[in-house]
Amino acid sequence: MTRAGWYAAQLRQELTLRNRSYALGRAHVESYGSEPVIVYAPDCGHHGNFFDSAYAAIVARPEWVRRFDKIHAQAARSLPKPQLDPARRWRELDSSMSSDALLMNVFCAPGVAESSAVRDALGVETEALPIFGWKARVPLAGGRVDRTEIDMRFGSLLVEAKLTEVGFQMRTASMVETYKDFDAVFDRDLLPRTYIPTARWMQASEFPENDSQEFESVVGDPDLFSVIDATFRPPGEPGYASYQLIRGVLAAYAADCSFCVLHDERRPDQREDWFAVMAAVRDAEMRVRLKILTWQELAALLPAALQEFLDVKYGIVAPGKTPSSIGELDDPDDVTIDRGLNP
């Protein structure tokens, strides 16, 4: 397991335990498998995955409620049918692991977007209505534009929200380098790189006999080599790690905005990934437009009732405070989360 995977798994485990308790009395199901996820359904004007006043604000704005159009990609094979409305399809925002749901819980709650303390913390100078799923249309070479979305635009600020995601995705170098401003913004030699397989890893025993024998001839002494245990690197392409961060910086550059990563303090791996991308930005003026904030730091500025919701459901509390204890555990001995433990 990678370092990022370890931190993500620990946080997912905590959120599952918290939501298993929080979901009691609320419309929900639990996904199949050894690592279950709690998924909520709307019920009589409420939604278990949302702070009540935030959900009321969402359903009152058509541009916000459209975020519920995104269907849960794994629902057909991993989730039971909704109990209240079996014909309803599960949405991504129904999931207790959804960073988009967390983002909307915070910024759709009455008074949050209007708060001068919140705007000051984020560097937003004027009052603005949050736009979720903002289409950045980042310029590509040849006059084309990127069609992906930014999680939120809040005035002159673009936000990438994260929670339990393992990483920031990766893309081939040939694709990333087609962004029009790529070399103007980044020193490509400093960006985190990766290798993207285009096929799966294979054992030598899966190859035709003549290919395996050919491989043996370049190993050296075949007596010291087990061809059955050998693995072959699959064909692939060089690529860039942290693609979502690279794209976000380019979107901010093109739109003359700032860019902030909102992440959980229990995910130091995400913070380190962001610092690695920031270090590759060429221009000092652009670097000062790049920000990072934890959900915990933001929580300190939120209304008391919303802070309580974030504490109980997510374990997110303001710095210096202790999260509430997790409710009813199936087996307390199975909880291995230690906030000070490193992998």
C-alpha atoms as a PDB file:
ATOM      1  CA  MET A   1       0.000   0.000   0.000  1.00  0.00           C
ATOM      2  CA  THR A   2       1.295   3.459  -0.865  1.00  0.00           C
ATOM      3  CA  ARG A   3       1.686   6.159   1.762  1.00  0.00           C
ATOM      4  CA  ALA A   4      -1.276   8.048   0.296  1.00  0.00           C
ATOM      5  CA  GLY A   5      -3.303   4.842   0.258  1.00  0.00           C
ATOM      6  CA  TRP A   6      -2.534   4.233   3.924  1.00  0.00           C
ATOM      7  CA  TYR A   7      -3.709   7.682   5.027  1.00  0.00           C
ATOM      8  CA  ALA A   8      -6.808   7.431   2.813  1.00  0.00           C
ATOM      9  CA  ALA A   9      -7.694   4.009   4.249  1.00  0.00           C
ATOM     10  CA  GLN A  10      -7.370   5.256   7.834  1.00  0.00           C
ATOM     11  CA  LEU A  11      -9.637   8.219   7.157  1.00  0.00           C
ATOM     12  CA  ARG A  12     -12.176   6.087   5.297  1.00  0.00           C
ATOM     13  CA  GLN A  13     -12.288   3.695   8.233  1.00  0.00           C
ATOM     14  CA  GLU A  14     -12.984   6.538  10.667  1.00  0.00           C
ATOM     15  CA  LEU A  15     -15.680   8.061   8.447  1.00  0.00           C
ATOM     16  CA  THR A  16     -17.380   4.675   8.071  1.00  0.00           C
ATOM     17  CA  LEU A  17     -17.510   4.186  11.831  1.00  0.00           C
ATOM     18  CA  ARG A  18     -18.758   7.720  12.451  1.00  0.00           C
ATOM     19  CA  ASN A  19     -21.423   7.518   9.772  1.00  0.00           C
ATOM     20  CA  ARG A  20     -22.573   4.057  10.807  1.00  0.00           C
ATOM     21  CA  SER A  21     -23.539   5.653  14.116  1.00  0.00           C
ATOM     22  CA  TYR A  22     -24.755   8.958  12.640  1.00  0.00           C
ATOM     23  CA  ALA A  23     -26.973   7.168  10.084  1.00  0.00           C
ATOM     24  CA  LEU A  24     -29.183   5.551  12.733  1.00  0.00           C
ATOM     25  CA  GLY A  25     -32.698   6.883  12.187  1.00  0.00           C
ATOM     26  CA  ARG A  26     -31.768   8.365   8.790  1.00  0.00           C
ATOM     27  CA  ALA A  27     -32.499   6.901   5.357  1.00  0.00           C
ATOM     28  CA  HIS A  28     -29.331   5.125   4.259  1.00  0.00           C
ATOM     29  CA  VAL A  29     -27.747   1.898   3.042  1.00  0.00           C
ATOM     30  CA  GLU A  30     -24.329   0.367   3.507  1.00  0.00           C
ATOM     31  CA  SER A  31     -22.290  -0.743   0.524  1.00  0.00           C
ATOM     32  CA  TYR A  32     -21.258  -4.360  -0.001  1.00  0.00           C
ATOM     33  CA  GLY A  33     -17.720  -5.548   0.580  1.00  0.00           C
ATOM     34  CA  SER A  34     -15.058  -5.578   3.268  1.00  0.00           C
ATOM     35  CA  GLU A  35     -14.679  -1.773   3.310  1.00  0.00           C
ATOM     36  CA  PRO A  36     -18.274  -0.533   3.496  1.00  0.00           C
ATOM     37  CA  VAL A  37     -19.388   3.029   2.800  1.00  0.00           C
ATOM     38  CA  ILE A  38     -22.520   4.643   4.214  1.00  0.00           C
ATOM     39  CA  VAL A  39     -24.701   6.181   1.498  1.00  0.00           C
ATOM     40  CA  TYR A  40     -27.703   8.359   2.325  1.00  0.00           C
ATOM     41  CA  ALA A  41     -31.016   9.038   0.571  1.00  0.00           C
ATOM     42  CA  PRO A  42     -33.283  12.095   0.691  1.00  0.00           C
ATOM     43  CA  ASP A  43     -36.222  11.748   3.046  1.00  0.00           C
ATOM     44  CA  CYS A  44     -39.083  14.219   3.552  1.00  0.00           C
ATOM     45  CA  GLY A  45     -37.086  17.328   2.702  1.00  0.00           C
ATOM     46  CA  HIS A  46     -33.966  16.190   4.536  1.00  0.00           C
ATOM     47  CA  HIS A  47     -30.849  14.329   3.421  1.00  0.00           C
ATOM     48  CA  GLY A  48     -28.692  12.406   5.870  1.00  0.00           C
ATOM     49  CA  ASN A  49     -25.473  13.397   4.132  1.00  0.00           C
ATOM     50  CA  PHE A  50     -26.193  17.107   4.527  1.00  0.00           C
ATOM     51  CA  PHE A  51     -26.501  19.732   7.218  1.00  0.00           C
ATOM     52  CA  ASP A  52     -30.218  20.596   7.195  1.00  0.00           C
ATOM     53  CA  SER A  53     -29.952  24.304   6.421  1.00  0.00           C
ATOM     54  CA  ALA A  54     -27.299  23.675   3.764  1.00  0.00           C
ATOM     55  CA  TYR A  55     -29.546  21.099   2.061  1.00  0.00           C
ATOM     56  CA  ALA A  56     -32.498  23.504   2.147  1.00  0.00           C
ATOM     57  CA  ALA A  57     -30.334  26.149   0.480  1.00  0.00           C
ATOM     58  CA  ILE A  58     -29.163  23.645  -2.155  1.00  0.00           C
ATOM     59  CA  VAL A  59     -32.651  22.537  -3.206  1.00  0.00           C
ATOM     60  CA  ALA A  60     -33.742  26.193  -3.394  1.00  0.00           C
ATOM     61  CA  ARG A  61     -31.130  26.983  -6.067  1.00  0.00           C
ATOM     62  CA  PRO A  62     -31.398  25.099  -9.389  1.00  0.00           C
ATOM     63  CA  GLU A  63     -27.730  25.709 -10.211  1.00  0.00           C
ATOM     64  CA  TRP A  64     -26.728  24.023  -6.931  1.00  0.00           C
ATOM     65  CA  VAL A  65     -29.200  21.149  -7.007  1.00  0.00           C
ATOM     66  CA  ARG A  66     -27.872  20.201 -10.470  1.00  0.00           C
ATOM     67  CA  ARG A  67     -24.824  18.794  -8.699  1.00  0.00           C
ATOM     68  CA  PHE A  68     -27.094  15.881  -7.768  1.00  0.00           C
ATOM     69  CA  ASP A  69     -27.246  14.939 -11.453  1.00  0.00           C
ATOM     70  CA  LYS A  70     -23.927  13.061 -11.151  1.00  0.00           C
ATOM     71  CA  ILE A  71     -24.759   9.363 -10.825  1.00  0.00           C
ATOM     72  CA  HIS A  72     -22.740   7.207  -8.413  1.00  0.00           C
ATOM     73  CA  ALA A  73     -20.453   5.244 -10.719  1.00  0.00           C
ATOM     74  CA  GLN A  74     -20.206   2.087  -8.565  1.00  0.00           C
ATOM     75  CA  ALA A  75     -23.825   1.966  -7.401  1.00  0.00           C
ATOM     76  CA  ALA A  76     -25.015  -0.854  -9.670  1.00  0.00           C
ATOM     77  CA  ARG A  77     -22.539  -3.401  -8.312  1.00  0.00           C
ATOM     78  CA  SER A  78     -21.759  -2.098  -4.826  1.00  0.00           C
ATOM     79  CA  LEU A  79     -24.973  -0.649  -3.351  1.00  0.00           C
ATOM     80  CA  PRO A  80     -28.409  -2.036  -2.446  1.00  0.00           C
ATOM     81  CA  LYS A  81     -31.462  -0.326  -3.897  1.00  0.00           C
ATOM     82  CA  PRO A  82     -32.727   2.737  -1.995  1.00  0.00           C
ATOM     83  CA  GLN A  83     -35.285   1.654   0.571  1.00  0.00           C
ATOM     84  CA  LEU A  84     -37.658   4.631   0.325  1.00  0.00           C
ATOM     85  CA  ASP A  85     -37.626   4.949  -3.472  1.00  0.00           C
ATOM     86  CA  PRO A  86     -36.223   1.843  -5.212  1.00  0.00           C
ATOM     87  CA  ALA A  87     -36.486   3.563  -8.594  1.00  0.00           C
ATOM     88  CA  ARG A  88     -34.134   6.365  -7.549  1.00  0.00           C
ATOM     89  CA  ARG A  89     -30.524   6.095  -8.713  1.00  0.00           C
ATOM     90  CA  TRP A  90     -27.761   6.748  -6.216  1.00  0.00           C
ATOM     91  CA  ARG A  91     -25.840  10.006  -6.680  1.00  0.00           C
ATOM     92  CA  GLU A  92     -22.212  10.812  -5.905  1.00  0.00           C
ATOM     93  CA  LEU A  93     -23.337  13.404  -3.369  1.00  0.00           C
ATOM     94  CA  ASP A  94     -25.173  10.675  -1.412  1.00  0.00           C
ATOM     95  CA  SER A  95     -21.878   9.126  -0.309  1.00  0.00           C
ATOM     96  CA  SER A  96     -20.451   9.833   3.141  1.00  0.00           C
ATOM     97  CA  MET A  97     -16.984   9.858   1.509  1.00  0.00           C
ATOM     98  CA  SER A  98     -17.833  12.604  -0.992  1.00  0.00           C
ATOM     99  CA  SER A  99     -15.565  15.652  -0.804  1.00  0.00           C
ATOM    100  CA  ASP A 100     -18.057  17.546  -2.992  1.00  0.00           C
ATOM    101  CA  ALA A 101     -20.788  16.905  -0.410  1.00  0.00           C
ATOM    102  CA  LEU A 102     -18.502  18.173   2.355  1.00  0.00           C
ATOM    103  CA  LEU A 103     -17.709  21.279   0.303  1.00  0.00           C
ATOM    104  CA  MET A 104     -21.400  22.017  -0.245  1.00  0.00           C
ATOM    105  CA  ASN A 105     -22.243  21.297   3.384  1.00  0.00           C
ATOM    106  CA  VAL A 106     -19.887  24.103   4.335  1.00  0.00           C
ATOM    107  CA  PHE A 107     -20.353  26.750   1.659  1.00  0.00           C
ATOM    108  CA  CYS A 108     -24.102  26.307   1.102  1.00  0.00           C
ATOM    109  CA  ALA A 109     -24.858  26.733   4.811  1.00  0.00           C
ATOM    110  CA  PRO A 110     -26.488  30.127   5.407  1.00  0.00           C
ATOM    111  CA  GLY A 111     -24.027  32.800   6.473  1.00  0.00           C
ATOM    112  CA  VAL A 112     -20.818  30.995   5.497  1.00  0.00           C
ATOM    113  CA  ALA A 113     -20.209  32.505   2.055  1.00  0.00           C
ATOM    114  CA  GLU A 114     -21.233  35.889   3.464  1.00  0.00           C
ATOM    115  CA  SER A 115     -18.848  35.649   6.439  1.00  0.00           C
ATOM    116  CA  SER A 116     -16.014  38.180   6.320  1.00  0.00           C
ATOM    117  CA  ALA A 117     -13.892  35.830   8.462  1.00  0.00           C
ATOM    118  CA  VAL A 118     -14.283  33.008   5.915  1.00  0.00           C
ATOM    119  CA  ARG A 119     -13.592  35.337   2.989  1.00  0.00           C
ATOM    120  CA  ASP A 120     -10.508  36.753   4.707  1.00  0.00           C
ATOM    121  CA  ALA A 121      -9.155  33.265   5.417  1.00  0.00           C
ATOM    122  CA  LEU A 122      -9.552  32.350   1.750  1.00  0.00           C
ATOM    123  CA  GLY A 123      -8.408  35.690   0.352  1.00  0.00           C
ATOM    124  CA  VAL A 124     -11.764  36.473  -1.281  1.00  0.00           C
ATOM    125  CA  GLU A 125     -12.172  40.254  -1.316  1.00  0.00           C
ATOM    126  CA  THR A 126     -15.857  40.670  -2.192  1.00  0.00           C
ATOM    127  CA  GLU A 127     -19.086  38.838  -1.459  1.00  0.00           C
ATOM    128  CA  ALA A 128     -19.800  36.168  -4.046  1.00  0.00           C
ATOM    129  CA  LEU A 129     -22.090  33.200  -4.545  1.00  0.00           C
ATOM    130  CA  PRO A 130     -20.183  29.914  -4.741  1.00  0.00           C
ATOM    131  CA  ILE A 131     -20.282  28.189  -8.118  1.00  0.00           C
ATOM    132  CA  PHE A 132     -19.920  24.406  -7.871  1.00  0.00           C
ATOM    133  CA  GLY A 133     -18.533  22.417 -10.783  1.00  0.00           C
ATOM    134  CA  TRP A 134     -17.211  25.544 -12.486  1.00  0.00           C
ATOM    135  CA  LYS A 135     -16.188  24.925 -16.088  1.00  0.00           C
ATOM    136  CA  ALA A 136     -12.721  26.434 -16.260  1.00  0.00           C
ATOM    137  CA  ARG A 137     -12.193  26.010 -20.016  1.00  0.00           C
ATOM    138  CA  VAL A 138      -8.403  25.992 -19.570  1.00  0.00           C
ATOM    139  CA  PRO A 139      -6.726  26.870 -22.893  1.00  0.00           C
ATOM    140  CA  LEU A 140      -5.063  24.078 -24.846  1.00  0.00           C
ATOM    141  CA  ALA A 141      -2.756  24.326 -27.834  1.00  0.00           C
ATOM    142  CA  GLY A 142      -4.428  25.037 -31.142  1.00  0.00           C
ATOM    143  CA  GLY A 143      -7.252  27.125 -29.690  1.00  0.00           C
ATOM    144  CA  ARG A 144      -9.024  24.242 -27.970  1.00  0.00           C
ATOM    145  CA  VAL A 145     -10.105  24.244 -24.300  1.00  0.00           C
ATOM    146  CA  ASP A 146     -10.152  21.732 -21.465  1.00  0.00           C
ATOM    147  CA  ARG A 147     -13.691  20.617 -20.566  1.00  0.00           C
ATOM    148  CA  THR A 148     -13.084  19.423 -17.010  1.00  0.00           C
ATOM    149  CA  GLU A 149     -14.535  21.127 -13.928  1.00  0.00           C
ATOM    150  CA  ILE A 150     -13.124  22.886 -10.879  1.00  0.00           C
ATOM    151  CA  ASP A 151     -14.867  21.886  -7.629  1.00  0.00           C
ATOM    152  CA  MET A 152     -15.808  25.450  -6.713  1.00  0.00           C
ATOM    153  CA  ARG A 153     -15.292  29.030  -7.805  1.00  0.00           C
ATOM    154  CA  PHE A 154     -15.808  31.538  -4.997  1.00  0.00           C
ATOM    155  CA  GLY A 155     -15.305  35.041  -6.334  1.00  0.00           C
ATOM    156  CA  SER A 156     -11.708  35.208  -7.551  1.00  0.00           C
ATOM    157  CA  LEU A 157     -10.800  31.917  -5.858  1.00  0.00           C
ATOM    158  CA  LEU A 158     -10.804  28.435  -7.387  1.00  0.00           C
ATOM    159  CA  VAL A 159     -11.022  25.530  -4.925  1.00  0.00           C
ATOM    160  CA  GLU A 160     -10.027  21.868  -5.181  1.00  0.00           C
ATOM    161  CA  ALA A 161     -11.694  19.964  -2.320  1.00  0.00           C
ATOM    162  CA  LYS A 162     -10.344  16.642  -1.060  1.00  0.00           C
ATOM    163  CA  LEU A 163     -11.280  14.122   1.612  1.00  0.00           C
ATOM    164  CA  THR A 164     -10.655  10.382   1.157  1.00  0.00           C
ATOM    165  CA  GLU A 165      -9.315  10.376  -2.423  1.00  0.00           C
ATOM    166  CA  VAL A 166      -6.013   8.508  -2.692  1.00  0.00           C
ATOM    167  CA  GLY A 167      -4.321  11.098  -4.899  1.00  0.00           C
ATOM    168  CA  PHE A 168      -4.743  13.900  -7.393  1.00  0.00           C
ATOM    169  CA  GLN A 169      -4.873  11.654 -10.469  1.00  0.00           C
ATOM    170  CA  MET A 170      -2.224  11.287 -13.144  1.00  0.00           C
ATOM    171  CA  ARG A 171      -2.147  11.898 -16.868  1.00  0.00           C
ATOM    172  CA  THR A 172       0.268  11.168 -19.676  1.00  0.00           C
ATOM    173  CA  ALA A 173       2.931  13.762 -20.390  1.00  0.00           C
ATOM    174  CA  SER A 174       1.741  14.031 -23.984  1.00  0.00           C
ATOM    175  CA  MET A 175      -1.679  15.119 -22.738  1.00  0.00           C
ATOM    176  CA  VAL A 176      -0.581  17.488 -19.941  1.00  0.00           C
ATOM    177  CA  GLU A 177       1.963  19.243 -22.131  1.00  0.00           C
ATOM    178  CA  THR A 178      -0.759  20.274 -24.588  1.00  0.00           C
ATOM    179  CA  TYR A 179      -1.976  22.969 -22.179  1.00  0.00           C
ATOM    180  CA  LYS A 180      -1.220  26.320 -23.799  1.00  0.00           C
ATOM    181  CA  ASP A 181       0.411  27.905 -20.731  1.00  0.00           C
ATOM    182  CA  PHE A 182       2.099  24.776 -19.381  1.00  0.00           C
ATOM    183  CA  ASP A 183       5.706  25.870 -19.906  1.00  0.00           C
ATOM    184  CA  ALA A 184       4.953  29.504 -19.050  1.00  0.00           C
ATOM    185  CA  VAL A 185       3.649  28.458 -15.628  1.00  0.00           C
ATOM    186  CA  PHE A 186       5.727  25.392 -14.718  1.00  0.00           C
ATOM    187  CA  ASP A 187       9.289  24.209 -14.827  1.00  0.00           C
ATOM    188  CA  ARG A 188       8.431  20.759 -16.164  1.00  0.00           C
ATOM    189  CA  ASP A 189      11.627  19.253 -14.773  1.00  0.00           C
ATOM    190  CA  LEU A 190      10.470  20.047 -11.227  1.00  0.00           C
ATOM    191  CA  LEU A 191       6.972  18.604 -11.496  1.00  0.00           C
ATOM    192  CA  PRO A 192       6.298  15.165  -9.941  1.00  0.00           C
ATOM    193  CA  ARG A 193       6.512  12.499 -12.622  1.00  0.00           C
ATOM    194  CA  THR A 194       5.105   8.999 -12.893  1.00  0.00           C
ATOM    195  CA  TYR A 195       4.775   6.103 -15.320  1.00  0.00           C
ATOM    196  CA  ILE A 196       1.326   5.227 -16.645  1.00  0.00           C
ATOM    197  CA  PRO A 197       0.932   1.599 -17.777  1.00  0.00           C
ATOM    198  CA  THR A 198      -1.233   0.959 -20.805  1.00  0.00           C
ATOM    199  CA  ALA A 199      -1.552  -2.742 -19.950  1.00  0.00           C
ATOM    200  CA  ARG A 200      -1.365  -4.830 -16.790  1.00  0.00           C
ATOM    201  CA  TRP A 201       1.783  -6.289 -15.263  1.00  0.00           C
ATOM    202  CA  MET A 202       2.337  -9.866 -16.472  1.00  0.00           C
ATOM    203  CA  GLN A 203       4.109 -12.931 -15.158  1.00  0.00           C
ATOM    204  CA  ALA A 204       6.710 -14.514 -17.420  1.00  0.00           C
ATOM    205  CA  SER A 205       4.684 -17.717 -17.393  1.00  0.00           C
ATOM    206  CA  GLU A 206       1.916 -15.903 -19.308  1.00  0.00           C
ATOM    207  CA  PHE A 207       4.183 -15.256 -22.293  1.00  0.00           C
ATOM    208  CA  PRO A 208       4.670 -17.697 -25.180  1.00  0.00           C
ATOM    209  CA  GLU A 209       7.537 -20.112 -24.601  1.00  0.00           C
ATOM    210  CA  ASN A 210       9.829 -18.517 -27.172  1.00  0.00           C
ATOM    211  CA  ASP A 211       9.460 -15.078 -25.519  1.00  0.00           C
ATOM    212  CA  SER A 212      10.267 -16.506 -22.097  1.00  0.00           C
ATOM    213  CA  GLN A 213      13.362 -18.253 -23.447  1.00  0.00           C
ATOM    214  CA  GLU A 214      14.453 -15.067 -25.161  1.00  0.00           C
ATOM    215  CA  PHE A 215      14.172 -13.240 -21.826  1.00  0.00           C
ATOM    216  CA  GLU A 216      16.254 -15.922 -20.096  1.00  0.00           C
ATOM    217  CA  SER A 217      19.104 -15.337 -22.503  1.00  0.00           C
ATOM    218  CA  VAL A 218      19.664 -11.801 -21.260  1.00  0.00           C
ATOM    219  CA  VAL A 219      19.318 -12.529 -17.543  1.00  0.00           C
ATOM    220  CA  GLY A 220      22.750 -13.962 -17.116  1.00  0.00           C
ATOM    221  CA  ASP A 221      22.864 -17.334 -15.400  1.00  0.00           C
ATOM    222  CA  PRO A 222      19.449 -19.015 -15.889  1.00  0.00           C
ATOM    223  CA  ASP A 223      20.181 -21.261 -12.896  1.00  0.00           C
ATOM    224  CA  LEU A 224      19.890 -18.220 -10.627  1.00  0.00           C
ATOM    225  CA  PHE A 225      16.637 -17.010 -12.187  1.00  0.00           C
ATOM    226  CA  SER A 226      13.093 -18.307 -11.790  1.00  0.00           C
ATOM    227  CA  VAL A 227      11.203 -17.465 -14.942  1.00  0.00           C
ATOM    228  CA  ILE A 228       7.894 -18.407 -13.309  1.00  0.00           C
ATOM    229  CA  ASP A 229       8.270 -15.631 -10.719  1.00  0.00           C
ATOM    230  CA  ALA A 230       9.462 -12.938 -13.103  1.00  0.00           C
ATOM    231  CA  THR A 231       7.240  -9.960 -13.773  1.00  0.00           C
ATOM    232  CA  PHE A 232       7.418  -7.813 -16.867  1.00  0.00           C
ATOM    233  CA  ARG A 233       6.892  -4.074 -16.839  1.00  0.00           C
ATOM    234  CA  PRO A 234       3.865  -3.429 -19.056  1.00  0.00           C
ATOM    235  CA  PRO A 235       4.063  -0.985 -21.945  1.00  0.00           C
ATOM    236  CA  GLY A 236       3.159   2.529 -20.943  1.00  0.00           C
ATOM    237  CA  GLU A 237       3.894   6.215 -21.162  1.00  0.00           C
ATOM    238  CA  PRO A 238       5.688   8.758 -18.998  1.00  0.00           C
ATOM    239  CA  GLY A 239       3.258  10.984 -17.184  1.00  0.00           C
ATOM    240  CA  TYR A 240       2.722  13.602 -14.503  1.00  0.00           C
ATOM    241  CA  ALA A 241       1.413  12.917 -11.011  1.00  0.00           C
ATOM    242  CA  SER A 242      -0.966  15.374  -9.264  1.00  0.00           C
ATOM    243  CA  TYR A 243      -2.698  16.233 -12.536  1.00  0.00           C
ATOM    244  CA  GLN A 244      -5.694  17.869 -10.812  1.00  0.00           C
ATOM    245  CA  LEU A 245      -3.344  20.298  -9.077  1.00  0.00           C
ATOM    246  CA  ILE A 246      -1.481  21.096 -12.285  1.00  0.00           C
ATOM    247  CA  ARG A 247      -4.777  21.714 -14.061  1.00  0.00           C
ATOM    248  CA  GLY A 248      -6.040  23.872 -11.182  1.00  0.00           C
ATOM    249  CA  VAL A 249      -2.970  26.103 -11.271  1.00  0.00           C
ATOM    250  CA  LEU A 250      -3.323  26.493 -15.040  1.00  0.00           C
ATOM    251  CA  ALA A 251      -7.016  27.339 -14.631  1.00  0.00           C
ATOM    252  CA  ALA A 252      -6.172  30.006 -12.044  1.00  0.00           C
ATOM    253  CA  TYR A 253      -3.472  31.422 -14.313  1.00  0.00           C
ATOM    254  CA  ALA A 254      -5.816  31.639 -17.289  1.00  0.00           C
ATOM    255  CA  ALA A 255      -8.695  33.164 -15.270  1.00  0.00           C
ATOM    256  CA  ASP A 256      -6.464  35.515 -13.242  1.00  0.00           C
ATOM    257  CA  CYS A 257      -7.656  33.824 -10.034  1.00  0.00           C
ATOM    258  CA  SER A 258      -6.146  32.299  -6.926  1.00  0.00           C
ATOM    259  CA  PHE A 259      -6.229  28.548  -6.317  1.00  0.00           C
ATOM    260  CA  CYS A 260      -6.717  26.811  -2.969  1.00  0.00           C
ATOM    261  CA  VAL A 261      -6.571  23.154  -1.970  1.00  0.00           C
ATOM    262  CA  LEU A 262      -8.968  22.306   0.873  1.00  0.00           C
ATOM    263  CA  HIS A 263      -7.921  19.077   2.549  1.00  0.00           C
ATOM    264  CA  ASP A 264      -8.166  17.225   5.847  1.00  0.00           C
ATOM    265  CA  GLU A 265      -5.333  17.598   8.348  1.00  0.00           C
ATOM    266  CA  ARG A 266      -5.365  13.789   8.633  1.00  0.00           C
ATOM    267  CA  ARG A 267      -4.037  13.706   5.060  1.00  0.00           C
ATOM    268  CA  PRO A 268      -0.464  15.084   5.219  1.00  0.00           C
ATOM    269  CA  ASP A 269       0.262  13.232   1.982  1.00  0.00           C
ATOM    270  CA  GLN A 270      -2.071  15.575   0.088  1.00  0.00           C
ATOM    271  CA  ARG A 271      -0.380  18.606   1.585  1.00  0.00           C
ATOM    272  CA  GLU A 272       3.032  17.326   0.503  1.00  0.00           C
ATOM    273  CA  ASP A 273       1.759  16.622  -3.022  1.00  0.00           C
ATOM    274  CA  TRP A 274       0.513  20.209  -3.262  1.00  0.00           C
ATOM    275  CA  PHE A 275       3.809  21.669  -2.032  1.00  0.00           C
ATOM    276  CA  ALA A 276       5.649  19.640  -4.689  1.00  0.00           C
ATOM    277  CA  VAL A 277       3.518  21.176  -7.436  1.00  0.00           C
ATOM    278  CA  MET A 278       3.808  24.699  -6.005  1.00  0.00           C
ATOM    279  CA  ALA A 279       7.595  24.372  -6.003  1.00  0.00           C
ATOM    280  CA  ALA A 280       7.521  23.888  -9.779  1.00  0.00           C
ATOM    281  CA  VAL A 281       5.685  27.183 -10.462  1.00  0.00           C
ATOM    282  CA  ARG A 282       8.076  29.572 -12.173  1.00  0.00           C
ATOM    283  CA  ASP A 283       6.661  32.975 -11.297  1.00  0.00           C
ATOM    284  CA  ALA A 284       6.697  34.303  -7.709  1.00  0.00           C
ATOM    285  CA  GLU A 285       3.550  36.377  -8.302  1.00  0.00           C
ATOM    286  CA  MET A 286       1.705  33.221  -9.359  1.00  0.00           C
ATOM    287  CA  ARG A 287       3.007  31.264  -6.362  1.00  0.00           C
ATOM    288  CA  VAL A 288       1.554  33.750  -3.876  1.00  0.00           C
ATOM    289  CA  ARG A 289      -1.869  33.142  -5.464  1.00  0.00           C
ATOM    290  CA  LEU A 290      -1.659  29.475  -4.467  1.00  0.00           C
ATOM    291  CA  LYS A 291      -3.106  28.547  -1.079  1.00  0.00           C
ATOM    292  CA  ILE A 292      -3.754  25.621   1.194  1.00  0.00           C
ATOM    293  CA  LEU A 293      -6.284  25.314   4.012  1.00  0.00           C
ATOM    294  CA  THR A 294      -7.503  22.402   6.097  1.00  0.00           C
ATOM    295  CA  TRP A 295     -11.128  21.681   6.829  1.00  0.00           C
ATOM    296  CA  GLN A 296     -10.154  21.943  10.485  1.00  0.00           C
ATOM    297  CA  GLU A 297      -8.824  25.492  10.074  1.00  0.00           C
ATOM    298  CA  LEU A 298     -11.976  26.459   8.206  1.00  0.00           C
ATOM    299  CA  ALA A 299     -14.184  24.858  10.871  1.00  0.00           C
ATOM    300  CA  ALA A 300     -13.009  27.402  13.438  1.00  0.00           C
ATOM    301  CA  LEU A 301     -14.763  30.137  11.436  1.00  0.00           C
ATOM    302  CA  LEU A 302     -18.113  28.391  10.972  1.00  0.00           C
ATOM    303  CA  PRO A 303     -21.419  28.639  12.900  1.00  0.00           C
ATOM    304  CA  ALA A 304     -21.590  26.514  16.045  1.00  0.00           C
ATOM    305  CA  ALA A 305     -24.310  24.166  14.764  1.00  0.00           C
ATOM    306  CA  LEU A 306     -22.352  23.461  11.580  1.00  0.00           C
ATOM    307  CA  GLN A 307     -19.211  22.855  13.628  1.00  0.00           C
ATOM    308  CA  GLU A 308     -21.095  20.253  15.656  1.00  0.00           C
ATOM    309  CA  PHE A 309     -22.308  18.528  12.467  1.00  0.00           C
ATOM    310  CA  LEU A 310     -18.775  18.383  11.051  1.00  0.00           C
ATOM    311  CA  ASP A 311     -17.455  17.025  14.334  1.00  0.00           C
ATOM    312  CA  VAL A 312     -19.959  14.193  14.708  1.00  0.00           C
ATOM    313  CA  LYS A 313     -20.155  13.160  11.051  1.00  0.00           C
ATOM    314  CA  TYR A 314     -16.600  13.797   9.846  1.00  0.00           C
ATOM    315  CA  GLY A 315     -14.437  14.134  12.962  1.00  0.00           C
ATOM    316  CA  ILE A 316     -13.516  17.651  11.766  1.00  0.00           C
ATOM    317  CA  VAL A 317     -12.983  20.136  14.589  1.00  0.00           C
ATOM    318  CA  ALA A 318     -11.192  23.465  14.936  1.00  0.00           C
ATOM    319  CA  PRO A 319      -7.468  23.347  15.814  1.00  0.00           C
ATOM    320  CA  GLY A 320      -6.939  22.779  19.514  1.00  0.00           C
ATOM    321  CA  LYS A 321     -10.229  20.934  19.980  1.00  0.00           C
ATOM    322  CA  THR A 322     -10.663  17.184  20.401  1.00  0.00           C
ATOM    323  CA  PRO A 323     -13.098  15.404  18.067  1.00  0.00           C
ATOM    324  CA  SER A 324     -16.077  13.757  19.698  1.00  0.00           C
ATOM    325  CA  SER A 325     -15.776  10.049  20.341  1.00  0.00           C
ATOM    326  CA  ILE A 326     -16.996   7.753  17.628  1.00  0.00           C
ATOM    327  CA  GLY A 327     -20.507   6.499  18.435  1.00  0.00           C
ATOM    328  CA  GLU A 328     -21.370   2.815  18.481  1.00  0.00           C
ATOM    329  CA  LEU A 329     -18.613   0.569  17.164  1.00  0.00           C
ATOM    330  CA  ASP A 330     -19.172  -2.964  15.955  1.00  0.00           C
ATOM    331  CA  ASP A 331     -15.832  -3.933  17.449  1.00  0.00           C
ATOM    332  CA  PRO A 332     -13.809  -1.193  19.171  1.00  0.00           C
ATOM    333  CA  ASP A 333     -10.693  -3.347  19.013  1.00  0.00           C
ATOM    334  CA  ASP A 334     -10.739  -2.981  15.217  1.00  0.00           C
ATOM    335  CA  VAL A 335     -10.162   0.786  15.355  1.00  0.00           C
ATOM    336  CA  THR A 336      -6.506   1.417  14.555  1.00  0.00           C
ATOM    337  CA  ILE A 337      -6.583   5.132  13.811  1.00  0.00           C
ATOM    338  CA  ASP A 338      -3.938   7.150  15.620  1.00  0.00           C
ATOM    339  CA  ARG A 339      -3.692  10.806  14.642  1.00  0.00           C
ATOM    340  CA  GLY A 340      -0.040  10.908  15.524  1.00  0.00           C
ATOM    341  CA  LEU A 341       0.925   7.645  13.830  1.00  0.00           C
ATOM    342  CA  ASN A 342       2.972   7.549  10.660  1.00  0.00           C
ATOM    343  CA  PRO A 343       2.891   4.688   8.167  1.00  0.00           C
END
